[in-house]
C-alpha atoms as a PDB file:
ATOM      1  CA  MET A   1      -5.473  -4.145  18.010  1.00  0.00           C
ATOM      2  CA  SER A   2      -6.974  -1.165  16.285  1.00  0.00           C
ATOM      3  CA  GLU A   3     -10.388   0.071  17.329  1.00  0.00           C
ATOM      4  CA  ASP A   4     -10.559   2.496  14.402  1.00  0.00           C
ATOM      5  CA  LEU A   5     -12.527   1.847  11.246  1.00  0.00           C
ATOM      6  CA  GLU A   6     -10.494   4.103   9.004  1.00  0.00           C
ATOM      7  CA  PHE A   7      -7.403   2.925   7.106  1.00  0.00           C
ATOM      8  CA  ASP A   8      -4.494   5.315   7.476  1.00  0.00           C
ATOM      9  CA  SER A   9      -1.207   5.669   5.627  1.00  0.00           C
ATOM     10  CA  GLU A  10       1.928   3.693   6.398  1.00  0.00           C
ATOM     11  CA  GLN A  11      -0.011   1.451   8.811  1.00  0.00           C
ATOM     12  CA  GLU A  12       0.907  -1.327   6.519  1.00  0.00           C
ATOM     13  CA  GLU A  13       1.558  -4.298   8.716  1.00  0.00           C
ATOM     14  CA  GLU A  14      -1.247  -3.748  11.232  1.00  0.00           C
ATOM     15  CA  LEU A  15      -3.528  -6.712  11.882  1.00  0.00           C
ATOM     16  CA  PHE A  16      -6.955  -6.662  13.524  1.00  0.00           C
ATOM     17  CA  GLU A  17      -8.104  -9.218  16.088  1.00  0.00           C
ATOM     18  CA  HIS A  18     -11.220 -11.056  14.921  1.00  0.00           C
ATOM     19  CA  HIS A  19     -11.562 -13.804  17.527  1.00  0.00           C
ATOM     20  CA  ARG A  20     -10.131 -14.585  20.956  1.00  0.00           C
ATOM     21  CA  PHE A  21     -10.616 -17.737  23.015  1.00  0.00           C
ATOM     22  CA  LYS A  22      -9.199 -19.049  26.276  1.00  0.00           C
ATOM     23  CA  ALA A  23      -8.820 -22.791  26.742  1.00  0.00           C
ATOM     24  CA  ASP A  24     -10.493 -24.179  29.874  1.00  0.00           C
ATOM     25  CA  PRO A  25      -8.339 -25.522  32.734  1.00  0.00           C
ATOM     26  CA  GLY A  26      -9.515 -29.010  31.847  1.00  0.00           C
ATOM     27  CA  GLN A  27      -8.894 -28.660  28.087  1.00  0.00           C
ATOM     28  CA  VAL A  28      -7.573 -31.847  26.455  1.00  0.00           C
ATOM     29  CA  MET A  29      -4.634 -31.373  24.102  1.00  0.00           C
ATOM     30  CA  ILE A  30      -5.989 -31.171  20.534  1.00  0.00           C
ATOM     31  CA  ARG A  31      -4.800 -29.551  17.311  1.00  0.00           C
ATOM     32  CA  ILE A  32      -5.551 -25.863  17.193  1.00  0.00           C
ATOM     33  CA  ASP A  33      -7.453 -26.069  13.884  1.00  0.00           C
ATOM     34  CA  LYS A  34      -9.874 -28.605  15.435  1.00  0.00           C
ATOM     35  CA  PHE A  35     -10.159 -26.437  18.566  1.00  0.00           C
ATOM     36  CA  LEU A  36     -11.106 -23.401  16.466  1.00  0.00           C
ATOM     37  CA  ILE A  37     -13.514 -25.276  14.178  1.00  0.00           C
ATOM     38  CA  ASP A  38     -15.471 -26.385  17.249  1.00  0.00           C
ATOM     39  CA  ARG A  39     -15.801 -22.746  18.349  1.00  0.00           C
ATOM     40  CA  MET A  40     -16.263 -21.010  14.986  1.00  0.00           C
ATOM     41  CA  ALA A  41     -19.292 -22.697  13.449  1.00  0.00           C
ATOM     42  CA  ASN A  42     -19.449 -20.435  10.391  1.00  0.00           C
ATOM     43  CA  THR A  43     -15.781 -20.790   9.452  1.00  0.00           C
ATOM     44  CA  SER A  44     -14.391 -23.595   7.284  1.00  0.00           C
ATOM     45  CA  ARG A  45     -11.407 -25.712   8.268  1.00  0.00           C
ATOM     46  CA  ASN A  46      -9.654 -24.528   5.108  1.00  0.00           C
ATOM     47  CA  LYS A  47      -9.898 -20.864   6.158  1.00  0.00           C
ATOM     48  CA  ILE A  48      -8.509 -21.656   9.585  1.00  0.00           C
ATOM     49  CA  GLN A  49      -5.630 -23.646   8.082  1.00  0.00           C
ATOM     50  CA  ILE A  50      -4.824 -20.802   5.665  1.00  0.00           C
ATOM     51  CA  ALA A  51      -4.789 -18.346   8.568  1.00  0.00           C
ATOM     52  CA  ALA A  52      -2.428 -20.604  10.509  1.00  0.00           C
ATOM     53  CA  LYS A  53      -0.173 -21.225   7.505  1.00  0.00           C
ATOM     54  CA  ASN A  54       0.221 -17.487   6.984  1.00  0.00           C
ATOM     55  CA  GLY A  55       0.976 -16.687  10.609  1.00  0.00           C
ATOM     56  CA  ASN A  56      -2.380 -15.191  11.569  1.00  0.00           C
ATOM     57  CA  ILE A  57      -3.114 -17.469  14.535  1.00  0.00           C
ATOM     58  CA  TYR A  58      -1.490 -16.613  17.854  1.00  0.00           C
ATOM     59  CA  VAL A  59      -1.275 -18.544  21.115  1.00  0.00           C
ATOM     60  CA  ASN A  60      -0.241 -16.444  24.105  1.00  0.00           C
ATOM     61  CA  GLU A  61       0.801 -13.680  21.634  1.00  0.00           C
ATOM     62  CA  ILE A  62       3.080 -16.061  19.630  1.00  0.00           C
ATOM     63  CA  LYS A  63       2.410 -17.266  16.060  1.00  0.00           C
ATOM     64  CA  VAL A  64       1.608 -20.974  15.731  1.00  0.00           C
ATOM     65  CA  LYS A  65       0.942 -23.431  12.870  1.00  0.00           C
ATOM     66  CA  GLN A  66      -2.163 -25.562  12.415  1.00  0.00           C
ATOM     67  CA  ASN A  67      -0.541 -28.602  14.090  1.00  0.00           C
ATOM     68  CA  TYR A  68      -0.051 -26.769  17.392  1.00  0.00           C
ATOM     69  CA  ARG A  69      -1.754 -28.655  20.241  1.00  0.00           C
ATOM     70  CA  VAL A  70      -3.856 -26.479  22.530  1.00  0.00           C
ATOM     71  CA  LYS A  71      -3.035 -26.690  26.243  1.00  0.00           C
ATOM     72  CA  PRO A  72      -5.165 -25.722  29.274  1.00  0.00           C
ATOM     73  CA  GLY A  73      -5.189 -21.968  29.847  1.00  0.00           C
ATOM     74  CA  ASP A  74      -3.904 -21.060  26.355  1.00  0.00           C
ATOM     75  CA  GLU A  75      -5.129 -17.713  25.017  1.00  0.00           C
ATOM     76  CA  ILE A  76      -5.787 -18.065  21.294  1.00  0.00           C
ATOM     77  CA  SER A  77      -6.485 -15.243  18.851  1.00  0.00           C
ATOM     78  CA  ILE A  78      -6.987 -14.928  15.102  1.00  0.00           C
ATOM     79  CA  VAL A  79      -5.850 -11.659  13.536  1.00  0.00           C
ATOM     80  CA  LEU A  80      -6.516 -10.637   9.953  1.00  0.00           C
ATOM     81  CA  PRO A  81      -5.528  -7.636   7.798  1.00  0.00           C
ATOM     82  CA  TYR A  82      -8.918  -5.930   7.937  1.00  0.00           C
ATOM     83  CA  PRO A  83     -11.284  -4.764  10.688  1.00  0.00           C
ATOM     84  CA  VAL A  84     -14.075  -6.995  11.968  1.00  0.00           C
ATOM     85  CA  ARG A  85     -16.666  -4.323  11.304  1.00  0.00           C
ATOM     86  CA  GLU A  86     -17.128  -3.603   7.616  1.00  0.00           C
ATOM     87  CA  LEU A  87     -19.280  -1.200   5.667  1.00  0.00           C
ATOM     88  CA  LYS A  88     -21.408  -2.303   2.734  1.00  0.00           C
ATOM     89  CA  LEU A  89     -19.205  -1.864  -0.325  1.00  0.00           C
ATOM     90  CA  ILE A  90     -20.973  -0.273  -3.292  1.00  0.00           C
ATOM     91  CA  PRO A  91     -19.402  -0.983  -6.711  1.00  0.00           C
ATOM     92  CA  GLN A  92     -18.635   2.249  -8.582  1.00  0.00           C
ATOM     93  CA  ASN A  93     -17.243   2.636 -12.085  1.00  0.00           C
ATOM     94  CA  ILE A  94     -14.355   4.911 -11.085  1.00  0.00           C
ATOM     95  CA  PRO A  95     -11.220   4.905 -13.278  1.00  0.00           C
ATOM     96  CA  ILE A  96      -8.188   3.368 -11.559  1.00  0.00           C
ATOM     97  CA  SER A  97      -4.621   2.953 -12.786  1.00  0.00           C
ATOM     98  CA  ILE A  98      -3.719  -0.738 -12.664  1.00  0.00           C
ATOM     99  CA  VAL A  99      -0.004  -1.315 -13.236  1.00  0.00           C
ATOM    100  CA  TYR A 100      -0.044  -5.091 -12.673  1.00  0.00           C
ATOM    101  CA  GLU A 101      -2.644  -7.836 -12.311  1.00  0.00           C
ATOM    102  CA  ASP A 102      -2.716 -11.620 -12.108  1.00  0.00           C
ATOM    103  CA  GLU A 103      -5.192 -14.158 -10.692  1.00  0.00           C
ATOM    104  CA  HIS A 104      -4.216 -13.479  -7.101  1.00  0.00           C
ATOM    105  CA  CYS A 105      -3.260  -9.823  -6.756  1.00  0.00           C
ATOM    106  CA  LEU A 106      -3.025  -6.484  -8.486  1.00  0.00           C
ATOM    107  CA  VAL A 107      -1.012  -3.295  -8.024  1.00  0.00           C
ATOM    108  CA  VAL A 108      -2.661   0.101  -8.441  1.00  0.00           C
ATOM    109  CA  ASP A 109      -1.229   3.615  -8.672  1.00  0.00           C
ATOM    110  CA  LYS A 110      -3.504   5.724  -6.464  1.00  0.00           C
ATOM    111  CA  PRO A 111      -4.056   9.382  -7.390  1.00  0.00           C
ATOM    112  CA  ALA A 112      -4.187  12.266  -4.943  1.00  0.00           C
ATOM    113  CA  ASN A 113      -7.452  13.180  -3.248  1.00  0.00           C
ATOM    114  CA  MET A 114      -8.775   9.603  -3.230  1.00  0.00           C
ATOM    115  CA  VAL A 115      -9.621   7.829   0.033  1.00  0.00           C
ATOM    116  CA  VAL A 116      -8.595   4.180   0.051  1.00  0.00           C
ATOM    117  CA  HIS A 117     -11.445   2.658   2.065  1.00  0.00           C
ATOM    118  CA  PRO A 118     -15.011   3.736   2.928  1.00  0.00           C
ATOM    119  CA  GLY A 119     -15.346   5.134   6.410  1.00  0.00           C
ATOM    120  CA  TYR A 120     -16.903   7.951   8.365  1.00  0.00           C
ATOM    121  CA  GLY A 121     -17.524  10.838   5.958  1.00  0.00           C
ATOM    122  CA  ASN A 122     -16.340   8.828   2.922  1.00  0.00           C
ATOM    123  CA  TYR A 123     -18.925   6.192   2.057  1.00  0.00           C
ATOM    124  CA  SER A 124     -18.394   6.306  -1.714  1.00  0.00           C
ATOM    125  CA  GLY A 125     -15.891   7.380  -4.327  1.00  0.00           C
ATOM    126  CA  THR A 126     -13.073   5.438  -2.677  1.00  0.00           C
ATOM    127  CA  LEU A 127     -10.468   3.162  -4.194  1.00  0.00           C
ATOM    128  CA  VAL A 128     -12.239   0.148  -2.703  1.00  0.00           C
ATOM    129  CA  ASN A 129     -15.542   1.134  -4.362  1.00  0.00           C
ATOM    130  CA  ALA A 130     -13.681   1.225  -7.674  1.00  0.00           C
ATOM    131  CA  LEU A 131     -11.985  -2.125  -7.013  1.00  0.00           C
ATOM    132  CA  VAL A 132     -15.270  -3.851  -6.132  1.00  0.00           C
ATOM    133  CA  TYR A 133     -16.662  -2.737  -9.497  1.00  0.00           C
ATOM    134  CA  HIS A 134     -13.499  -3.924 -11.263  1.00  0.00           C
ATOM    135  CA  PHE A 135     -13.556  -7.319  -9.536  1.00  0.00           C
ATOM    136  CA  GLU A 136     -17.244  -7.893 -10.267  1.00  0.00           C
ATOM    137  CA  ASN A 137     -16.602  -7.283 -13.945  1.00  0.00           C
ATOM    138  CA  LEU A 138     -13.601  -9.597 -14.284  1.00  0.00           C
ATOM    139  CA  PRO A 139     -14.182 -12.116 -17.124  1.00  0.00           C
ATOM    140  CA  LYS A 140     -13.056 -15.129 -15.021  1.00  0.00           C
ATOM    141  CA  PRO A 141     -12.877 -14.661 -11.245  1.00  0.00           C
ATOM    142  CA  PRO A 142     -10.249 -16.915  -9.593  1.00  0.00           C
ATOM    143  CA  LYS A 143     -11.467 -20.073  -7.841  1.00  0.00           C
ATOM    144  CA  ASP A 144     -10.990 -18.688  -4.353  1.00  0.00           C
ATOM    145  CA  TYR A 145     -12.115 -15.151  -5.200  1.00  0.00           C
ATOM    146  CA  TYR A 146     -14.227 -14.084  -2.233  1.00  0.00           C
ATOM    147  CA  GLY A 147     -16.167 -11.086  -3.472  1.00  0.00           C
ATOM    148  CA  ARG A 148     -14.274  -8.086  -2.102  1.00  0.00           C
ATOM    149  CA  PRO A 149     -10.856  -6.489  -2.510  1.00  0.00           C
ATOM    150  CA  GLY A 150      -8.296  -7.499   0.092  1.00  0.00           C
ATOM    151  CA  LEU A 151      -6.532  -4.429   1.418  1.00  0.00           C
ATOM    152  CA  VAL A 152      -3.104  -5.327   2.729  1.00  0.00           C
ATOM    153  CA  HIS A 153      -1.861  -1.787   3.352  1.00  0.00           C
ATOM    154  CA  ARG A 154      -3.154   1.751   2.967  1.00  0.00           C
ATOM    155  CA  ILE A 155      -1.969   5.247   2.119  1.00  0.00           C
ATOM    156  CA  ASP A 156      -3.611   8.554   2.970  1.00  0.00           C
ATOM    157  CA  LYS A 157      -6.166  10.398   0.887  1.00  0.00           C
ATOM    158  CA  HIS A 158      -3.602  12.954  -0.308  1.00  0.00           C
ATOM    159  CA  THR A 159      -0.674  10.534  -0.641  1.00  0.00           C
ATOM    160  CA  THR A 160      -0.172   9.139  -4.143  1.00  0.00           C
ATOM    161  CA  GLY A 161       1.452   5.971  -5.393  1.00  0.00           C
ATOM    162  CA  LEU A 162       1.563   2.207  -5.320  1.00  0.00           C
ATOM    163  CA  LEU A 163      -0.653  -0.232  -3.414  1.00  0.00           C
ATOM    164  CA  VAL A 164      -0.925  -4.016  -3.704  1.00  0.00           C
ATOM    165  CA  ILE A 165      -4.415  -5.527  -3.459  1.00  0.00           C
ATOM    166  CA  ALA A 166      -5.186  -9.205  -2.807  1.00  0.00           C
ATOM    167  CA  LYS A 167      -7.831 -10.887  -4.958  1.00  0.00           C
ATOM    168  CA  THR A 168      -7.921 -14.224  -3.133  1.00  0.00           C
ATOM    169  CA  GLU A 169      -7.923 -15.192   0.508  1.00  0.00           C
ATOM    170  CA  VAL A 170      -4.667 -17.110   0.094  1.00  0.00           C
ATOM    171  CA  ALA A 171      -3.010 -14.006  -1.341  1.00  0.00           C
ATOM    172  CA  LEU A 172      -4.484 -11.789   1.359  1.00  0.00           C
ATOM    173  CA  THR A 173      -3.096 -13.768   4.274  1.00  0.00           C
ATOM    174  CA  ASP A 174       0.277 -14.316   2.567  1.00  0.00           C
ATOM    175  CA  LEU A 175       0.754 -10.645   1.664  1.00  0.00           C
ATOM    176  CA  ALA A 176      -0.355  -9.555   5.130  1.00  0.00           C
ATOM    177  CA  SER A 177       2.348 -11.774   6.601  1.00  0.00           C
ATOM    178  CA  GLN A 178       4.950 -10.282   4.254  1.00  0.00           C
ATOM    179  CA  PHE A 179       4.131  -6.787   5.478  1.00  0.00           C
ATOM    180  CA  TYR A 180       4.027  -7.950   9.079  1.00  0.00           C
ATOM    181  CA  ASP A 181       7.423  -9.663   8.737  1.00  0.00           C
ATOM    182  CA  ARG A 182       8.882  -6.583   6.939  1.00  0.00           C
ATOM    183  CA  THR A 183      10.033  -8.509   3.856  1.00  0.00           C
ATOM    184  CA  THR A 184       8.417  -6.059   1.420  1.00  0.00           C
ATOM    185  CA  LYS A 185      10.326  -3.186  -0.186  1.00  0.00           C
ATOM    186  CA  ARG A 186       8.801   0.302   0.053  1.00  0.00           C
ATOM    187  CA  VAL A 187      10.271   3.620  -1.011  1.00  0.00           C
ATOM    188  CA  TYR A 188       8.550   7.018  -0.720  1.00  0.00           C
ATOM    189  CA  HIS A 189       9.510  10.429  -2.101  1.00  0.00           C
ATOM    190  CA  ALA A 190       8.657  13.467  -0.010  1.00  0.00           C
ATOM    191  CA  LEU A 191       9.249  17.206  -0.088  1.00  0.00           C
ATOM    192  CA  VAL A 192       9.953  18.493   3.411  1.00  0.00           C
ATOM    193  CA  TRP A 193      10.444  21.918   4.951  1.00  0.00           C
ATOM    194  CA  GLY A 194      14.007  22.979   5.768  1.00  0.00           C
ATOM    195  CA  ASP A 195      17.490  22.349   4.436  1.00  0.00           C
ATOM    196  CA  LEU A 196      18.472  18.800   5.346  1.00  0.00           C
ATOM    197  CA  LYS A 197      22.268  18.617   5.226  1.00  0.00           C
ATOM    198  CA  GLU A 198      22.702  14.853   5.306  1.00  0.00           C
ATOM    199  CA  ASP A 199      20.950  11.483   5.316  1.00  0.00           C
ATOM    200  CA  GLY A 200      19.580  10.114   8.546  1.00  0.00           C
ATOM    201  CA  THR A 201      17.292   7.792  10.476  1.00  0.00           C
ATOM    202  CA  VAL A 202      14.371   8.669  12.730  1.00  0.00           C
ATOM    203  CA  ILE A 203      13.599   6.224  15.558  1.00  0.00           C
ATOM    204  CA  GLY A 204      10.651   6.865  17.843  1.00  0.00           C
ATOM    205  CA  ASN A 205       7.446   5.138  18.895  1.00  0.00           C
ATOM    206  CA  VAL A 206       4.411   6.274  16.921  1.00  0.00           C
ATOM    207  CA  GLY A 207       0.913   6.261  18.376  1.00  0.00           C
ATOM    208  CA  ARG A 208      -2.295   8.263  18.635  1.00  0.00           C
ATOM    209  CA  SER A 209      -1.727  11.719  20.051  1.00  0.00           C
ATOM    210  CA  LEU A 210      -2.819  12.009  23.668  1.00  0.00           C
ATOM    211  CA  LYS A 211      -4.177  15.488  22.875  1.00  0.00           C
ATOM    212  CA  ASN A 212      -5.815  14.884  19.490  1.00  0.00           C
ATOM    213  CA  ARG A 213      -6.885  11.353  18.518  1.00  0.00           C
ATOM    214  CA  LYS A 214      -7.168  12.320  14.847  1.00  0.00           C
ATOM    215  CA  VAL A 215      -3.400  12.633  14.457  1.00  0.00           C
ATOM    216  CA  MET A 216      -0.343  10.662  15.498  1.00  0.00           C
ATOM    217  CA  ALA A 217       2.533  11.621  17.758  1.00  0.00           C
ATOM    218  CA  VAL A 218       6.095  10.440  18.410  1.00  0.00           C
ATOM    219  CA  PHE A 219       6.934   9.143  21.878  1.00  0.00           C
ATOM    220  CA  PRO A 220      10.756   9.052  22.150  1.00  0.00           C
ATOM    221  CA  ASN A 221      10.785   7.341  25.530  1.00  0.00           C
ATOM    222  CA  GLY A 222       8.645   4.442  24.348  1.00  0.00           C
ATOM    223  CA  ASP A 223       5.911   4.936  26.923  1.00  0.00           C
ATOM    224  CA  HIS A 224       3.202   4.932  24.246  1.00  0.00           C
ATOM    225  CA  GLY A 225       2.776   3.879  20.636  1.00  0.00           C
ATOM    226  CA  LYS A 226       4.645   1.260  18.617  1.00  0.00           C
ATOM    227  CA  HIS A 227       8.299   1.034  17.616  1.00  0.00           C
ATOM    228  CA  ALA A 228       8.910   2.860  14.312  1.00  0.00           C
ATOM    229  CA  VAL A 229      11.996   3.433  12.153  1.00  0.00           C
ATOM    230  CA  THR A 230      12.259   5.676   9.068  1.00  0.00           C
ATOM    231  CA  HIS A 231      15.440   6.015   6.989  1.00  0.00           C
ATOM    232  CA  TYR A 232      15.737   9.097   4.767  1.00  0.00           C
ATOM    233  CA  HIS A 233      18.133  10.009   1.979  1.00  0.00           C
ATOM    234  CA  VAL A 234      18.564  13.502   0.506  1.00  0.00           C
ATOM    235  CA  LEU A 235      17.809  13.634  -3.233  1.00  0.00           C
ATOM    236  CA  GLU A 236      17.832  17.378  -3.948  1.00  0.00           C
ATOM    237  CA  ARG A 237      18.131  20.582  -1.910  1.00  0.00           C
ATOM    238  CA  PHE A 238      16.289  23.811  -2.691  1.00  0.00           C
ATOM    239  CA  GLY A 239      17.331  25.923   0.301  1.00  0.00           C
ATOM    240  CA  GLN A 240      14.009  26.276   2.093  1.00  0.00           C
ATOM    241  CA  VAL A 241      12.796  22.747   1.284  1.00  0.00           C
ATOM    242  CA  THR A 242      14.441  19.390   0.530  1.00  0.00           C
ATOM    243  CA  LEU A 243      13.388  16.463  -1.650  1.00  0.00           C
ATOM    244  CA  ILE A 244      14.057  13.183   0.166  1.00  0.00           C
ATOM    245  CA  GLU A 245      13.628   9.451  -0.283  1.00  0.00           C
ATOM    246  CA  CYS A 246      12.226   7.494   2.663  1.00  0.00           C
ATOM    247  CA  LYS A 247      12.554   3.787   3.327  1.00  0.00           C
ATOM    248  CA  LEU A 248      10.298   2.274   5.957  1.00  0.00           C
ATOM    249  CA  GLU A 249      11.650  -0.300   8.350  1.00  0.00           C
ATOM    250  CA  THR A 250       8.240  -0.381  10.036  1.00  0.00           C
ATOM    251  CA  GLY A 251       4.817   0.729   8.839  1.00  0.00           C
ATOM    252  CA  ARG A 252       2.943   2.805  11.373  1.00  0.00           C
ATOM    253  CA  THR A 253       0.055   5.179  10.769  1.00  0.00           C
ATOM    254  CA  HIS A 254       1.353   8.488   9.344  1.00  0.00           C
ATOM    255  CA  GLN A 255       4.896   7.299  10.101  1.00  0.00           C
ATOM    256  CA  ILE A 256       6.820   9.394   7.578  1.00  0.00           C
ATOM    257  CA  ARG A 257       4.697  12.472   8.212  1.00  0.00           C
ATOM    258  CA  VAL A 258       4.961  12.446  11.990  1.00  0.00           C
ATOM    259  CA  HIS A 259       8.592  11.300  12.070  1.00  0.00           C
ATOM    260  CA  MET A 260       9.728  14.139   9.818  1.00  0.00           C
ATOM    261  CA  GLN A 261       7.713  16.643  11.839  1.00  0.00           C
ATOM    262  CA  SER A 262       9.357  15.349  15.020  1.00  0.00           C
ATOM    263  CA  ILE A 263      12.806  16.348  13.752  1.00  0.00           C
ATOM    264  CA  GLY A 264      11.645  19.790  12.599  1.00  0.00           C
ATOM    265  CA  HIS A 265      11.056  18.990   8.917  1.00  0.00           C
ATOM    266  CA  PRO A 266       7.290  18.560   8.293  1.00  0.00           C
ATOM    267  CA  LEU A 267       6.157  17.507   4.839  1.00  0.00           C
ATOM    268  CA  PHE A 268       5.395  20.407   2.531  1.00  0.00           C
ATOM    269  CA  ASN A 269       1.667  21.297   2.627  1.00  0.00           C
ATOM    270  CA  ASP A 270       0.868  18.654   5.264  1.00  0.00           C
ATOM    271  CA  LEU A 271      -2.491  19.801   6.617  1.00  0.00           C
ATOM    272  CA  ASP A 272      -2.276  17.745   9.813  1.00  0.00           C
ATOM    273  CA  TYR A 273       1.351  18.226  10.817  1.00  0.00           C
ATOM    274  CA  SER A 274       1.959  21.979  10.347  1.00  0.00           C
ATOM    275  CA  GLY A 275       3.371  21.665   6.832  1.00  0.00           C
ATOM    276  CA  ASN A 276       0.748  23.983   5.315  1.00  0.00           C
ATOM    277  CA  LYS A 277       2.344  27.070   6.878  1.00  0.00           C
ATOM    278  CA  ILE A 278       5.364  29.064   5.755  1.00  0.00           C
ATOM    279  CA  LEU A 279       8.020  27.584   8.018  1.00  0.00           C
ATOM    280  CA  LYS A 280      11.212  28.709   6.228  1.00  0.00           C
ATOM    281  CA  GLY A 281      12.247  31.602   3.998  1.00  0.00           C
ATOM    282  CA  PRO A 282      12.127  35.391   3.800  1.00  0.00           C
ATOM    283  CA  ASN A 283       9.244  37.433   5.183  1.00  0.00           C
ATOM    284  CA  ASN A 284       8.067  39.295   2.087  1.00  0.00           C
ATOM    285  CA  SER A 285       5.026  39.371  -0.178  1.00  0.00           C
ATOM    286  CA  ASN A 286       6.737  37.845  -3.231  1.00  0.00           C
ATOM    287  CA  TYR A 287       7.879  34.787  -1.281  1.00  0.00           C
ATOM    288  CA  THR A 288       4.464  34.445   0.368  1.00  0.00           C
ATOM    289  CA  LYS A 289       2.780  34.500  -3.043  1.00  0.00           C
ATOM    290  CA  PHE A 290       5.251  31.904  -4.358  1.00  0.00           C
ATOM    291  CA  ILE A 291       4.542  29.542  -1.450  1.00  0.00           C
ATOM    292  CA  GLN A 292       0.773  29.938  -1.799  1.00  0.00           C
ATOM    293  CA  ASN A 293       1.062  29.068  -5.494  1.00  0.00           C
ATOM    294  CA  CYS A 294       3.093  25.978  -4.551  1.00  0.00           C
ATOM    295  CA  PHE A 295       0.516  24.950  -1.957  1.00  0.00           C
ATOM    296  CA  SER A 296      -2.228  25.185  -4.590  1.00  0.00           C
ATOM    297  CA  LEU A 297      -0.551  22.512  -6.726  1.00  0.00           C
ATOM    298  CA  LEU A 298      -1.282  19.723  -4.231  1.00  0.00           C
ATOM    299  CA  PRO A 299      -4.376  19.030  -2.101  1.00  0.00           C
ATOM    300  CA  GLY A 300      -2.219  17.926   0.832  1.00  0.00           C
ATOM    301  CA  GLN A 301       1.183  16.571   1.824  1.00  0.00           C
ATOM    302  CA  ALA A 302       3.869  16.136  -0.839  1.00  0.00           C
ATOM    303  CA  LEU A 303       4.287  12.384  -0.382  1.00  0.00           C
ATOM    304  CA  HIS A 304       4.421   9.691  -3.052  1.00  0.00           C
ATOM    305  CA  ALA A 305       4.692   5.900  -2.634  1.00  0.00           C
ATOM    306  CA  LYS A 306       7.207   5.483  -5.437  1.00  0.00           C
ATOM    307  CA  SER A 307       8.453   1.890  -5.269  1.00  0.00           C
ATOM    308  CA  LEU A 308       6.907  -1.343  -4.053  1.00  0.00           C
ATOM    309  CA  GLY A 309       8.330  -4.852  -3.980  1.00  0.00           C
ATOM    310  CA  PHE A 310       6.813  -8.090  -2.682  1.00  0.00           C
ATOM    311  CA  THR A 311       6.808 -11.841  -3.308  1.00  0.00           C
ATOM    312  CA  GLN A 312       3.992 -13.129  -5.505  1.00  0.00           C
ATOM    313  CA  PRO A 313       1.961 -15.314  -3.110  1.00  0.00           C
ATOM    314  CA  ILE A 314       1.773 -18.370  -5.396  1.00  0.00           C
ATOM    315  CA  SER A 315       4.804 -18.333  -7.727  1.00  0.00           C
ATOM    316  CA  ARG A 316       7.068 -16.869  -4.966  1.00  0.00           C
ATOM    317  CA  LYS A 317       8.648 -14.637  -7.598  1.00  0.00           C
ATOM    318  CA  MET A 318       9.863 -11.246  -6.356  1.00  0.00           C
ATOM    319  CA  LEU A 319       7.904  -8.436  -8.038  1.00  0.00           C
ATOM    320  CA  LEU A 320       9.208  -4.851  -8.132  1.00  0.00           C
ATOM    321  CA  PHE A 321       7.248  -1.799  -9.300  1.00  0.00           C
ATOM    322  CA  ASP A 322       8.089   1.879  -9.690  1.00  0.00           C
ATOM    323  CA  SER A 323       5.737   4.826 -10.111  1.00  0.00           C
ATOM    324  CA  GLU A 324       6.568   8.170 -11.684  1.00  0.00           C
ATOM    325  CA  LEU A 325       5.857  11.250  -9.585  1.00  0.00           C
ATOM    326  CA  PRO A 326       2.446  12.740 -10.392  1.00  0.00           C
ATOM    327  CA  GLU A 327       2.430  15.680 -12.779  1.00  0.00           C
ATOM    328  CA  LYS A 328       1.571  18.234 -10.078  1.00  0.00           C
ATOM    329  CA  PHE A 329       4.298  16.903  -7.787  1.00  0.00           C
ATOM    330  CA  GLU A 330       6.814  17.252 -10.630  1.00  0.00           C
ATOM    331  CA  GLU A 331       5.556  20.773 -11.279  1.00  0.00           C
ATOM    332  CA  LEU A 332       6.030  21.615  -7.601  1.00  0.00           C
ATOM    333  CA  ILE A 333       9.640  20.423  -7.683  1.00  0.00           C
ATOM    334  CA  GLU A 334      10.309  22.358 -10.879  1.00  0.00           C
ATOM    335  CA  GLN A 335       8.951  25.535  -9.279  1.00  0.00           C
ATOM    336  CA  TRP A 336      11.398  25.086  -6.393  1.00  0.00           C
ATOM    337  CA  ARG A 337      14.276  24.422  -8.807  1.00  0.00           C
ATOM    338  CA  LYS A 338      13.579  27.719 -10.548  1.00  0.00           C
ATOM    339  CA  TYR A 339      13.219  29.582  -7.267  1.00  0.00           C
ATOM    340  CA  SER A 340      16.416  28.181  -5.741  1.00  0.00           C
ATOM    341  CA  SER A 341      18.450  28.821  -8.893  1.00  0.00           C
ATOM    342  CA  HIS A 342      17.637  32.544  -8.593  1.00  0.00           C
END
């Protein structure tokens, strides 16, 4: 489980361990919800049952339901889609683009240069600060509204696009399970360095770099990190860069960014993965000036969470959303179209 407080991009199905217990050798066989209630005095039976129903209770690393009977020696853990440690969330009246909202969840279109969750160095001005303000000013909070936005997945500060937010605990645990079970639909658009000739798939474990813990690395041999799969499809070629569509089979931290770097095609203007250097093209002043102008259009990597699909937690209806590329991203692509046509 993660020991980090920050929420990174594409880490969408990660769960955080909140509690762990080991049944005594003389443990009598009782239902797991009763076992946990006896050990978690400040937690209601309803919350434990919701966690079990949504696959957030594990026995010996395997999901169980609330009617599971605890046996001697069982190792039981509860994992939830947010860290145990939380910062005080300050409501802030920050404009946010809400593309969908019902009693249980909402979908927002995050702009560039906005951190999703407060953390070290970013204690205010985040998407969560804006959501807390929005939730507190709802005319009729839902019955099981629990006072804070439920982050199910995250995208980086400089990545734009769609995020689903849970408004109730039922929705939070259900949506977290959907991401964990990979039943959601997610499509990203990215501009990468180099001329990609054909579509492809990148497979390689993703984990914290052994040299720099602030970034991720790909471990092809599987000795470190977690299994990760990214499928990419070429949308448009501009010679020195290529516009691609990425579909995530898994959701690891920085997955698209580090996977594309691992095959020699970092995202354009990616500050962490060498994309903010001139990696392709002629060595002359005009081209250098053109690239610098292109870099100035975006604060960081050219990555946009374009499409998002999930099952509404209560109605079970499949919801699909699409987000237009931000204006500056479109301008960047148009600049490359003009350059490549000449």
